[in-house]
């Protein structure tokens, strides 16, 4: 595989001096000058299609700027759609006129490495992106070889340098210098599987898609920018990815998948309390404060909650800028972009992989639906613990259904998901009361008890939950009557 990583330019000079590389060098380094000019129309019509035209003499290349539904794992080089000696030779419709919009000038230095797991070619690209709006130093590290040695070397280097899977390709980074706007997200929301996927391809695509979402929101979540949404989007993406690992577990169970899941579990443990405090302060508490605008006890409780919320954000920021998080990104990129790990699977996993994706999806969804429908009584009559179990089963079915819904044309999948989402939303509203109770208890344990204000919050939230309970069976029965879209 060819893994492209972003390296802090200030660390580039340290790379060649790292002791871990000294015994691995095999031959003399090779160096060459690299010049790239990116072209587009004055209105950026190619960029609006997720494309870019790169002039890298002696050839011109039409490359992807964004995946736009194509298979492009994180950390992989941009897919090249066409190459030619001149733009006319690309035999693809191009804007007229074309103008240069950004340029890169630098040097690539390649070194052959004899790693323990296999040979790797390491290429360090350093230089400057220039545009009318300004310039920016950039540094990329390419590792080419089999997945195992590439991943092992990348993980080792991430422990020594500020090295991570980039959120955007070099061209997208260059165009961001032009516009002054950060690169667009490579993916949003839940994955939409491309046509013709095998079971293994579907798993790899889901991993790549959701890894892109996690990496895109990580800087804003670490910096505390854009309010609570980046943390929320990261948490949802992590949940979806962990659910995907369970969905495909019978087909992809392996050491590589287990290690990636362990890293995701650690990330989830940092995101969960941060998101819970965000919801408590900005939603649960805000609703109570609106109802009692002059209650001073609430302000003291809010101050204590804000302190705990800031502490959680600080802990999350430390994790998202840590070596562990950067290594997790590398592991996920290798899982999405590599194929060698599939060859180590056992007979049971290989048999599952041999299924068609439709057959595999139907089995998974039917199992999850059966677990959810085990509840025979009305939901409104269930105790909080039983309701929480139903909510978890609903969430697991929804995440699996979101992955496989694109396989089924028509509107049936969308209708089914909307009914399931309504059930999950109602159950989530009830769960917010339980979360608020736990958070207030946490404040009390830390010496921040505000009994009167806490009582207001719990009473207000409990009244809202009671109204939700009264209506929950309507959405539950409508869902139970819905015909599963995969049958």
Protein backbone atom coordinates (compact mmCIF):
# COMPACT_ATOMS: atom_id res chain seq x y z
CA UNK A 1 0.00 0.00 0.00
CA UNK A 2 0.98 3.64 -0.38
CA UNK A 3 0.24 5.48 2.86
CA UNK A 4 0.45 9.27 2.79
CA UNK A 5 0.88 11.00 6.16
CA UNK A 6 1.04 14.64 7.15
CA UNK A 7 4.23 15.63 8.96
CA UNK A 8 4.76 18.88 10.83
CA UNK A 9 7.27 20.83 8.67
CA UNK A 10 9.33 21.65 11.77
CA UNK A 11 9.87 17.91 12.31
CA UNK A 12 11.04 17.16 8.76
CA UNK A 13 14.72 17.73 9.54
CA UNK A 14 14.52 15.33 12.48
CA UNK A 15 13.33 12.42 10.34
CA UNK A 16 16.70 11.49 8.86
CA UNK A 17 18.36 11.61 12.30
CA UNK A 18 15.97 9.24 14.05
CA UNK A 19 17.90 6.32 15.62
CA UNK A 20 15.14 3.85 14.74
CA UNK A 21 15.78 4.40 11.01
CA UNK A 22 19.58 4.04 11.09
CA UNK A 23 19.73 0.19 11.00
CA UNK A 24 16.92 0.00 8.42
CA UNK A 25 18.50 2.01 5.59
CA UNK A 26 19.25 -0.01 2.48
CA UNK A 27 21.27 1.99 -0.03
CA UNK A 28 21.69 5.70 -0.64
CA UNK A 29 18.77 8.16 -0.59
CA UNK A 30 17.47 9.54 -3.89
CA UNK A 31 16.37 13.14 -4.27
CA UNK A 32 14.41 15.00 -6.94
CA UNK A 33 12.78 18.37 -7.42
CA UNK A 34 8.97 18.39 -7.45
CA UNK A 35 6.89 21.12 -9.08
CA UNK A 36 3.09 20.94 -9.32
CA UNK A 37 0.71 23.54 -10.71
CA UNK A 38 -3.02 23.07 -10.12
CA UNK A 39 -5.41 24.47 -12.71
CA UNK A 40 -9.12 25.21 -12.70
CA UNK A 41 -11.57 27.67 -14.21
CA UNK A 42 -11.86 31.17 -12.70
CA UNK A 43 -15.11 30.01 -11.09
CA UNK A 44 -13.53 26.80 -9.72
CA UNK A 45 -15.88 24.55 -11.69
CA UNK A 46 -13.60 21.50 -11.39
CA UNK A 47 -13.32 21.90 -7.62
CA UNK A 48 -17.11 22.08 -7.38
CA UNK A 49 -17.17 18.60 -8.95
CA UNK A 50 -14.56 17.30 -6.51
CA UNK A 51 -11.81 17.31 -9.20
CA UNK A 52 -8.55 19.12 -9.89
CA UNK A 53 -6.20 19.33 -12.87
CA UNK A 54 -2.54 18.92 -11.90
CA UNK A 55 0.38 19.84 -14.15
CA UNK A 56 3.37 17.81 -13.06
CA UNK A 57 5.73 17.74 -15.99
CA UNK A 58 6.02 15.89 -18.25
CA UNK A 59 2.32 15.06 -17.78
CA UNK A 60 -1.07 16.49 -16.86
CA UNK A 61 -3.33 14.56 -14.52
CA UNK A 62 -7.01 14.85 -13.76
CA UNK A 63 -7.29 13.83 -10.11
CA UNK A 64 -9.97 13.50 -7.50
CA UNK A 65 -10.11 16.27 -4.93
CA UNK A 66 -12.89 14.60 -2.91
CA UNK A 67 -14.16 10.99 -3.00
CA UNK A 68 -17.71 11.94 -4.13
CA UNK A 69 -18.87 8.33 -3.73
CA UNK A 70 -15.70 6.77 -5.15
CA UNK A 71 -13.52 4.37 -3.17
CA UNK A 72 -10.66 6.44 -1.75
CA UNK A 73 -9.45 5.30 1.67
CA UNK A 74 -7.97 7.83 4.10
CA UNK A 75 -4.22 8.24 3.71
CA UNK A 76 -4.24 6.93 0.13
CA UNK A 77 -2.92 9.07 -2.76
CA UNK A 78 -5.57 10.83 -4.90
CA UNK A 79 -7.11 8.60 -7.60
CA UNK A 80 -5.91 9.67 -11.05
CA UNK A 81 -8.76 9.63 -13.59
CA UNK A 82 -6.71 10.45 -16.70
CA UNK A 83 -3.16 11.37 -17.73
CA UNK A 84 -1.74 12.93 -20.88
CA UNK A 85 1.07 15.14 -22.18
CA UNK A 86 -1.36 18.00 -22.75
CA UNK A 87 -4.79 18.91 -21.34
CA UNK A 88 -6.39 18.19 -24.72
CA UNK A 89 -4.96 14.68 -24.60
CA UNK A 90 -6.94 13.84 -21.47
CA UNK A 91 -10.02 13.30 -23.67
CA UNK A 92 -12.22 14.61 -20.90
CA UNK A 93 -14.33 17.79 -20.98
CA UNK A 94 -12.44 20.58 -19.23
CA UNK A 95 -13.40 24.16 -18.37
CA UNK A 96 -12.42 26.92 -20.75
CA UNK A 97 -10.46 28.94 -19.89
CA UNK A 98 -8.12 27.15 -17.50
CA UNK A 99 -6.00 29.22 -15.13
CA UNK A 100 -3.34 28.28 -12.57
CA UNK A 101 -4.82 28.56 -9.07
CA UNK A 102 -2.02 27.23 -6.84
CA UNK A 103 1.46 25.74 -7.08
CA UNK A 104 3.80 23.58 -5.06
CA UNK A 105 7.58 23.64 -5.27
CA UNK A 106 9.78 21.41 -3.20
CA UNK A 107 11.86 18.26 -3.07
CA UNK A 108 11.15 14.56 -2.63
CA UNK A 109 13.77 12.42 -0.89
CA UNK A 110 13.28 8.64 -1.11
CA UNK A 111 14.99 6.01 1.04
CA UNK A 112 14.74 2.20 0.87
CA UNK A 113 14.22 0.63 4.28
CA UNK A 114 14.63 -3.03 5.22
CA UNK A 115 12.10 -3.31 8.05
CA UNK A 116 11.61 -6.45 10.11
CA UNK A 117 8.21 -7.16 8.52
CA UNK A 118 9.29 -6.31 4.95
CA UNK A 119 10.69 -3.67 2.62
CA UNK A 120 9.35 -0.10 2.69
CA UNK A 121 10.16 2.86 0.44
CA UNK A 122 9.97 6.06 2.49
CA UNK A 123 9.60 9.34 0.59
CA UNK A 124 9.69 12.70 2.34
CA UNK A 125 8.07 15.52 0.36
CA UNK A 126 8.89 19.01 1.65
CA UNK A 127 8.16 22.36 0.08
CA UNK A 128 5.82 25.34 -0.12
CA UNK A 129 2.34 25.81 -1.52
CA UNK A 130 1.97 29.22 -3.13
CA UNK A 131 -1.09 31.16 -4.23
CA UNK A 132 -2.07 34.78 -4.67
CA UNK A 133 -3.62 34.75 -1.20
CA UNK A 134 -0.41 33.58 0.49
CA UNK A 135 1.87 30.61 0.98
CA UNK A 136 2.22 27.71 3.37
CA UNK A 137 4.91 25.18 4.16
CA UNK A 138 3.78 21.60 3.73
CA UNK A 139 5.34 18.23 4.41
CA UNK A 140 4.08 14.77 3.47
CA UNK A 141 5.57 11.38 4.20
CA UNK A 142 4.81 8.47 1.83
CA UNK A 143 5.39 4.88 2.93
CA UNK A 144 5.13 2.23 0.19
CA UNK A 145 5.15 -1.50 0.82
CA UNK A 146 3.04 -4.29 2.26
CA UNK A 147 0.50 -3.24 4.88
CA UNK A 148 2.21 -4.83 7.88
CA UNK A 149 5.63 -3.14 7.54
CA UNK A 150 4.06 0.16 6.44
CA UNK A 151 1.75 0.24 9.45
CA UNK A 152 4.45 -0.82 11.91
CA UNK A 153 6.83 1.85 10.63
CA UNK A 154 4.13 4.56 10.61
CA UNK A 155 3.10 3.73 14.18
CA UNK A 156 6.74 3.82 15.33
CA UNK A 157 7.40 7.16 13.60
CA UNK A 158 4.23 8.65 15.11
CA UNK A 159 5.80 8.08 18.51
CA UNK A 160 8.78 10.24 17.53
CA UNK A 161 7.30 12.93 15.27
CA UNK A 162 4.12 14.97 14.85
CA UNK A 163 2.79 12.61 12.21
CA UNK A 164 -0.84 11.86 11.38
CA UNK A 165 -3.23 10.79 8.62
CA UNK A 166 -4.07 14.03 6.74
CA UNK A 167 -7.66 15.21 6.56
CA UNK A 168 -7.24 16.27 2.91
CA UNK A 169 -4.98 15.59 -0.05
CA UNK A 170 -2.17 17.97 -1.00
CA UNK A 171 -4.23 19.60 -3.76
CA UNK A 172 -7.13 20.26 -1.37
CA UNK A 173 -4.69 21.77 1.11
CA UNK A 174 -3.29 23.99 -1.65
CA UNK A 175 -6.74 25.19 -2.69
CA UNK A 176 -7.49 25.95 0.96
CA UNK A 177 -4.54 28.35 0.90
CA UNK A 178 -6.15 30.02 -2.14
CA UNK A 179 -9.58 30.38 -0.56
CA UNK A 180 -8.59 30.88 3.05
CA UNK A 181 -11.23 28.26 3.94
CA UNK A 182 -10.28 24.88 5.51
CA UNK A 183 -10.59 21.87 3.17
CA UNK A 184 -14.06 20.39 2.83
CA UNK A 185 -14.85 17.16 4.64
CA UNK A 186 -14.12 14.07 2.56
CA UNK A 187 -17.20 12.32 3.94
CA UNK A 188 -20.29 13.14 6.00
CA UNK A 189 -22.76 11.11 8.05
CA UNK A 190 -23.22 7.39 7.57
CA UNK A 191 -21.49 5.50 4.72
CA UNK A 192 -23.30 4.89 1.45
CA UNK A 193 -21.86 1.73 -0.03
CA UNK A 194 -20.84 1.87 -3.70
CA UNK A 195 -22.53 -0.55 -6.09
CA UNK A 196 -21.04 -4.01 -6.54
CA UNK A 197 -19.37 -4.30 -3.11
CA UNK A 198 -18.35 -7.61 -1.64
CA UNK A 199 -18.70 -8.11 2.13
CA UNK A 200 -14.99 -7.32 2.62
CA UNK A 201 -15.20 -4.25 0.37
CA UNK A 202 -18.24 -2.97 2.27
CA UNK A 203 -16.44 -3.27 5.59
CA UNK A 204 -13.34 -1.50 4.29
CA UNK A 205 -15.44 1.28 2.75
CA UNK A 206 -17.38 1.82 5.99
CA UNK A 207 -14.13 1.98 7.98
CA UNK A 208 -12.62 4.50 5.57
CA UNK A 209 -15.72 6.68 5.40
CA UNK A 210 -16.19 6.90 9.16
CA UNK A 211 -12.46 7.38 9.79
CA UNK A 212 -12.63 10.43 7.50
CA UNK A 213 -15.53 11.83 9.55
CA UNK A 214 -13.66 11.30 12.82
CA UNK A 215 -10.46 12.92 11.52
CA UNK A 216 -12.35 15.85 9.99
CA UNK A 217 -14.02 16.89 13.23
CA UNK A 218 -11.07 16.16 15.54
CA UNK A 219 -9.30 19.57 15.22
CA UNK A 220 -12.48 21.55 15.92
CA UNK A 221 -13.39 19.24 18.81
CA UNK A 222 -9.90 19.63 20.29
CA UNK A 223 -9.93 23.42 19.91
CA UNK A 224 -13.46 23.82 21.23
CA UNK A 225 -14.56 25.58 18.04
CA UNK A 226 -18.06 25.62 16.54
CA UNK A 227 -19.84 24.77 19.79
CA UNK A 228 -20.83 21.24 20.82
CA UNK A 229 -21.39 19.92 17.27
CA UNK A 230 -17.84 18.64 16.47
CA UNK A 231 -17.79 16.50 19.62
CA UNK A 232 -21.28 15.23 18.81
CA UNK A 233 -20.35 14.37 15.21
CA UNK A 234 -17.16 12.60 16.34
CA UNK A 235 -19.06 10.59 18.93
CA UNK A 236 -21.70 9.51 16.42
CA UNK A 237 -19.00 8.52 13.90
CA UNK A 238 -17.16 6.48 16.55
CA UNK A 239 -20.40 4.76 17.53
CA UNK A 240 -21.16 3.99 13.89
CA UNK A 241 -17.67 2.62 13.31
CA UNK A 242 -17.73 0.43 16.41
CA UNK A 243 -21.17 -0.76 15.33
CA UNK A 244 -19.81 -1.54 11.84
CA UNK A 245 -17.06 -3.63 13.42
CA UNK A 246 -19.74 -5.62 15.26
CA UNK A 247 -21.96 -5.81 12.17
CA UNK A 248 -19.16 -7.36 10.13
CA UNK A 249 -17.58 -9.14 13.10
CA UNK A 250 -18.36 -12.68 11.93
CA UNK A 251 -16.60 -11.96 8.65
CA UNK A 252 -13.64 -9.81 9.68
CA UNK A 253 -12.70 -10.96 13.18
CA UNK A 254 -8.91 -10.58 13.40
CA UNK A 255 -6.16 -9.09 15.54
CA UNK A 256 -6.01 -5.96 13.38
CA UNK A 257 -9.73 -5.32 13.80
CA UNK A 258 -9.59 -5.99 17.54
CA UNK A 259 -6.71 -3.54 18.00
CA UNK A 260 -8.51 -0.84 16.05
CA UNK A 261 -11.68 -1.42 18.08
CA UNK A 262 -9.72 -1.10 21.32
CA UNK A 263 -8.44 2.29 20.19
CA UNK A 264 -11.97 3.37 19.25
CA UNK A 265 -13.21 2.27 22.67
CA UNK A 266 -10.62 4.52 24.34
CA UNK A 267 -11.68 7.43 22.11
CA UNK A 268 -15.36 6.78 22.90
CA UNK A 269 -14.56 6.88 26.61
CA UNK A 270 -13.17 10.41 26.18
CA UNK A 271 -16.01 11.66 23.98
CA UNK A 272 -18.91 10.32 26.08
CA UNK A 273 -18.55 12.49 29.22
CA UNK A 274 -17.73 15.55 27.14
CA UNK A 275 -20.87 15.09 25.06
CA UNK A 276 -22.98 14.35 28.14
CA UNK A 277 -21.90 17.61 29.80
CA UNK A 278 -22.45 19.52 26.56
CA UNK A 279 -26.02 18.23 26.37
CA UNK A 280 -26.65 18.90 30.05
CA UNK A 281 -25.44 22.51 29.90
CA UNK A 282 -26.72 23.55 26.47
CA UNK A 283 -30.00 21.60 26.34
CA UNK A 284 -31.19 20.08 29.62
CA UNK A 285 -30.12 22.92 31.90
CA UNK A 286 -30.93 25.62 29.34
CA UNK A 287 -34.57 24.46 29.21
CA UNK A 288 -34.83 24.61 33.02
CA UNK A 289 -33.19 28.06 33.15
CA UNK A 290 -35.71 29.37 30.61
CA UNK A 291 -38.53 28.17 32.85
CA UNK A 292 -36.98 29.73 35.99
CA UNK A 293 -35.05 32.78 34.69
CA UNK A 294 -34.62 34.47 38.09
CA UNK A 295 -33.62 31.46 40.19
CA UNK A 296 -30.13 32.21 41.61
CA UNK A 297 -29.59 28.64 42.82
CA UNK A 298 -29.59 27.53 39.19
CA UNK A 299 -26.77 29.93 38.34
CA UNK A 300 -24.53 28.39 41.00
CA UNK A 301 -25.34 24.94 39.68
CA UNK A 302 -24.56 26.09 36.15
CA UNK A 303 -21.17 27.42 37.24
CA UNK A 304 -20.29 24.03 38.75
CA UNK A 305 -21.51 22.21 35.63
CA UNK A 306 -19.49 24.52 33.37
CA UNK A 307 -16.33 23.80 35.37
CA UNK A 308 -16.84 20.07 34.95
CA UNK A 309 -17.64 20.54 31.26
CA UNK A 310 -14.42 22.52 30.69
CA UNK A 311 -12.42 19.84 32.49
CA UNK A 312 -13.86 17.15 30.19
CA UNK A 313 -13.04 19.24 27.13
CA UNK A 314 -9.46 19.68 28.37
CA UNK A 315 -9.09 15.91 28.81
CA UNK A 316 -10.52 15.32 25.34
CA UNK A 317 -8.20 17.92 23.82
CA UNK A 318 -5.18 16.20 25.39
CA UNK A 319 -6.27 12.86 23.92
CA UNK A 320 -6.99 14.21 20.42
CA UNK A 321 -3.51 15.74 20.23
CA UNK A 322 -1.80 12.65 21.65
CA UNK A 323 0.30 9.96 20.02
CA UNK A 324 -2.42 7.41 20.82
CA UNK A 325 -4.99 9.24 18.70
CA UNK A 326 -2.59 9.69 15.78
CA UNK A 327 -1.69 6.01 15.93
CA UNK A 328 -5.39 5.11 15.93
CA UNK A 329 -5.84 7.11 12.72
CA UNK A 330 -2.96 5.20 11.12
CA UNK A 331 -4.39 1.82 12.19
CA UNK A 332 -7.81 2.69 10.78
CA UNK A 333 -6.34 3.98 7.50
CA UNK A 334 -4.37 0.73 7.07
CA UNK A 335 -7.47 -1.32 7.89
CA UNK A 336 -9.48 0.55 5.25
CA UNK A 337 -6.78 0.66 2.58
CA UNK A 338 -5.02 -2.68 3.00
CA UNK A 339 -6.13 -6.16 1.98
CA UNK A 340 -3.42 -8.47 3.31
CA UNK A 341 -5.10 -8.83 6.72
CA UNK A 342 -8.02 -10.59 5.01
CA UNK A 343 -5.72 -13.47 4.07
CA UNK A 344 -5.14 -14.35 7.75
CA UNK A 345 -8.84 -14.89 8.53
CA UNK A 346 -10.08 -18.30 9.66
CA UNK A 347 -12.47 -20.63 7.85
CA UNK A 348 -15.56 -19.22 9.58
CA UNK A 349 -14.71 -15.67 8.56
CA UNK A 350 -13.81 -16.72 5.02
CA UNK A 351 -17.20 -18.46 4.69
CA UNK A 352 -18.98 -15.27 5.74
CA UNK A 353 -16.92 -13.28 3.25
CA UNK A 354 -18.01 -15.67 0.51
CA UNK A 355 -21.65 -14.61 1.01
CA UNK A 356 -23.16 -12.00 -1.24
CA UNK A 357 -23.55 -8.65 0.48
CA UNK A 358 -27.36 -8.86 0.21
CA UNK A 359 -27.41 -12.24 1.99
CA UNK A 360 -25.00 -11.03 4.65
CA UNK A 361 -26.99 -7.83 5.24
CA UNK A 362 -30.31 -9.68 5.56
CA UNK A 363 -28.86 -12.06 8.18
CA UNK A 364 -27.38 -9.24 10.25
CA UNK A 365 -30.47 -7.04 10.12
CA UNK A 366 -32.84 -9.90 10.92
CA UNK A 367 -30.80 -10.87 13.99
CA UNK A 368 -30.78 -7.29 15.27
CA UNK A 369 -34.48 -6.79 14.63
CA UNK A 370 -35.29 -10.02 16.50
CA UNK A 371 -33.39 -8.75 19.57
CA UNK A 372 -35.25 -5.45 19.46
CA UNK A 373 -38.70 -7.03 19.11
CA UNK A 374 -38.25 -9.32 22.11
CA UNK A 375 -40.18 -6.70 24.10
CA UNK A 376 -43.84 -7.74 24.11
CA UNK A 377 -45.24 -5.22 26.60
CA UNK A 378 -45.88 -1.51 26.12
CA UNK A 379 -42.69 0.52 26.38
CA UNK A 380 -44.31 3.09 28.68
CA UNK A 381 -44.67 0.39 31.35
CA UNK A 382 -41.01 -0.63 31.37
CA UNK A 383 -38.52 0.29 34.09
CA UNK A 384 -35.65 2.67 33.14
CA UNK A 385 -33.13 -0.17 32.90
CA UNK A 386 -35.31 -2.16 30.51
CA UNK A 387 -35.99 0.97 28.43
CA UNK A 388 -32.26 1.59 28.18
CA UNK A 389 -31.74 -1.95 26.85
CA UNK A 390 -34.44 -1.38 24.22
CA UNK A 391 -32.76 1.90 23.26
CA UNK A 392 -29.42 0.14 22.76
CA UNK A 393 -31.00 -2.53 20.55
CA UNK A 394 -32.78 0.19 18.53
CA UNK A 395 -29.52 2.08 18.07
CA UNK A 396 -27.65 -1.02 16.95
CA UNK A 397 -30.34 -1.88 14.42
CA UNK A 398 -30.39 1.68 13.12
CA UNK A 399 -26.62 1.86 12.61
CA UNK A 400 -26.63 -1.47 10.77
CA UNK A 401 -29.65 -0.43 8.68
CA UNK A 402 -27.97 2.84 7.72
CA UNK A 403 -24.97 0.91 6.38
CA UNK A 404 -27.03 -1.50 4.25
CA UNK A 405 -29.97 0.74 3.24
CA UNK A 406 -28.23 1.93 0.01
CA UNK A 407 -28.34 -1.69 -1.23
CA UNK A 408 -32.14 -1.50 -1.43
CA UNK A 409 -33.62 0.89 -4.03
CA UNK A 410 -36.86 2.72 -3.51
CA UNK A 411 -38.34 4.55 -0.55
CA UNK A 412 -39.01 1.60 1.75
CA UNK A 413 -35.62 1.80 3.50
CA UNK A 414 -36.02 5.52 4.16
CA UNK A 415 -39.51 5.08 5.63
CA UNK A 416 -38.33 2.23 7.84
CA UNK A 417 -35.35 4.22 9.11
CA UNK A 418 -37.53 7.23 9.91
CA UNK A 419 -39.85 5.09 12.05
CA UNK A 420 -36.89 3.49 13.79
CA UNK A 421 -35.31 6.92 14.36
CA UNK A 422 -38.47 8.21 16.04
CA UNK A 423 -38.39 5.29 18.47
CA UNK A 424 -34.72 5.92 19.20
CA UNK A 425 -35.29 9.67 19.65
CA UNK A 426 -38.11 9.12 22.17
CA UNK A 427 -36.01 6.61 24.07
CA UNK A 428 -33.08 9.04 23.96
CA UNK A 429 -35.21 11.76 25.57
CA UNK A 430 -35.99 9.40 28.44
CA UNK A 431 -32.32 8.48 28.74
CA UNK A 432 -31.38 12.17 29.12
CA UNK A 433 -33.10 12.14 32.54
CA UNK A 434 -30.94 9.22 33.65
CA UNK A 435 -27.81 10.96 32.35
CA UNK A 436 -28.74 14.21 34.13
CA UNK A 437 -29.26 12.29 37.37
CA UNK A 438 -25.78 10.74 37.09
CA UNK A 439 -24.13 14.07 36.27
CA UNK A 440 -25.76 15.82 39.22
CA UNK A 441 -24.65 12.97 41.47
CA UNK A 442 -21.10 13.45 40.13
CA UNK A 443 -21.22 17.13 41.08
CA UNK A 444 -22.45 16.19 44.56
CA UNK A 445 -19.58 13.72 45.04
CA UNK A 446 -17.13 16.47 44.11
CA UNK A 447 -18.51 18.83 46.74
CA UNK A 448 -20.72 20.79 44.34
CA UNK A 449 -24.11 19.68 45.64
CA UNK A 450 -26.87 22.17 45.01
CA UNK A 451 -29.88 20.26 46.34
CA UNK A 452 -32.58 22.79 45.52
CA UNK A 453 -31.30 23.54 42.01
CA UNK A 454 -30.70 19.85 41.34
CA UNK A 455 -34.26 19.14 42.37
CA UNK A 456 -35.53 21.75 39.91
CA UNK A 457 -33.54 20.18 37.08
CA UNK A 458 -34.65 16.64 37.86
CA UNK A 459 -38.27 17.67 38.42
CA UNK A 460 -38.42 19.60 35.15
CA UNK A 461 -36.69 16.81 33.23
CA UNK A 462 -38.87 14.17 34.86
CA UNK A 463 -42.03 16.00 33.82
CA UNK A 464 -40.79 16.14 30.23
CA UNK A 465 -39.93 12.43 30.39
CA UNK A 466 -43.42 11.62 31.65
CA UNK A 467 -44.94 13.36 28.62
CA UNK A 468 -42.57 11.42 26.38
CA UNK A 469 -43.60 8.12 28.02
CA UNK A 470 -47.23 8.91 27.27
CA UNK A 471 -46.44 9.16 23.56
CA UNK A 472 -43.74 6.54 23.17
CA UNK A 473 -46.01 3.58 22.51
CA UNK A 474 -47.51 5.28 19.44
CA UNK A 475 -44.16 5.43 17.63
CA UNK A 476 -43.26 1.95 18.92
CA UNK A 477 -46.40 0.33 17.50
CA UNK A 478 -45.97 2.13 14.17
CA UNK A 479 -42.45 0.76 13.98
CA UNK A 480 -43.54 -2.78 14.86
CA UNK A 481 -46.08 -2.68 12.03
CA UNK A 482 -43.47 -1.60 9.48
CA UNK A 483 -42.26 -4.23 7.00
CA UNK A 484 -38.45 -4.63 7.15
CA UNK A 485 -37.04 -3.26 3.90
CA UNK A 486 -34.65 -6.20 3.47
CA UNK A 487 -37.38 -8.86 3.39
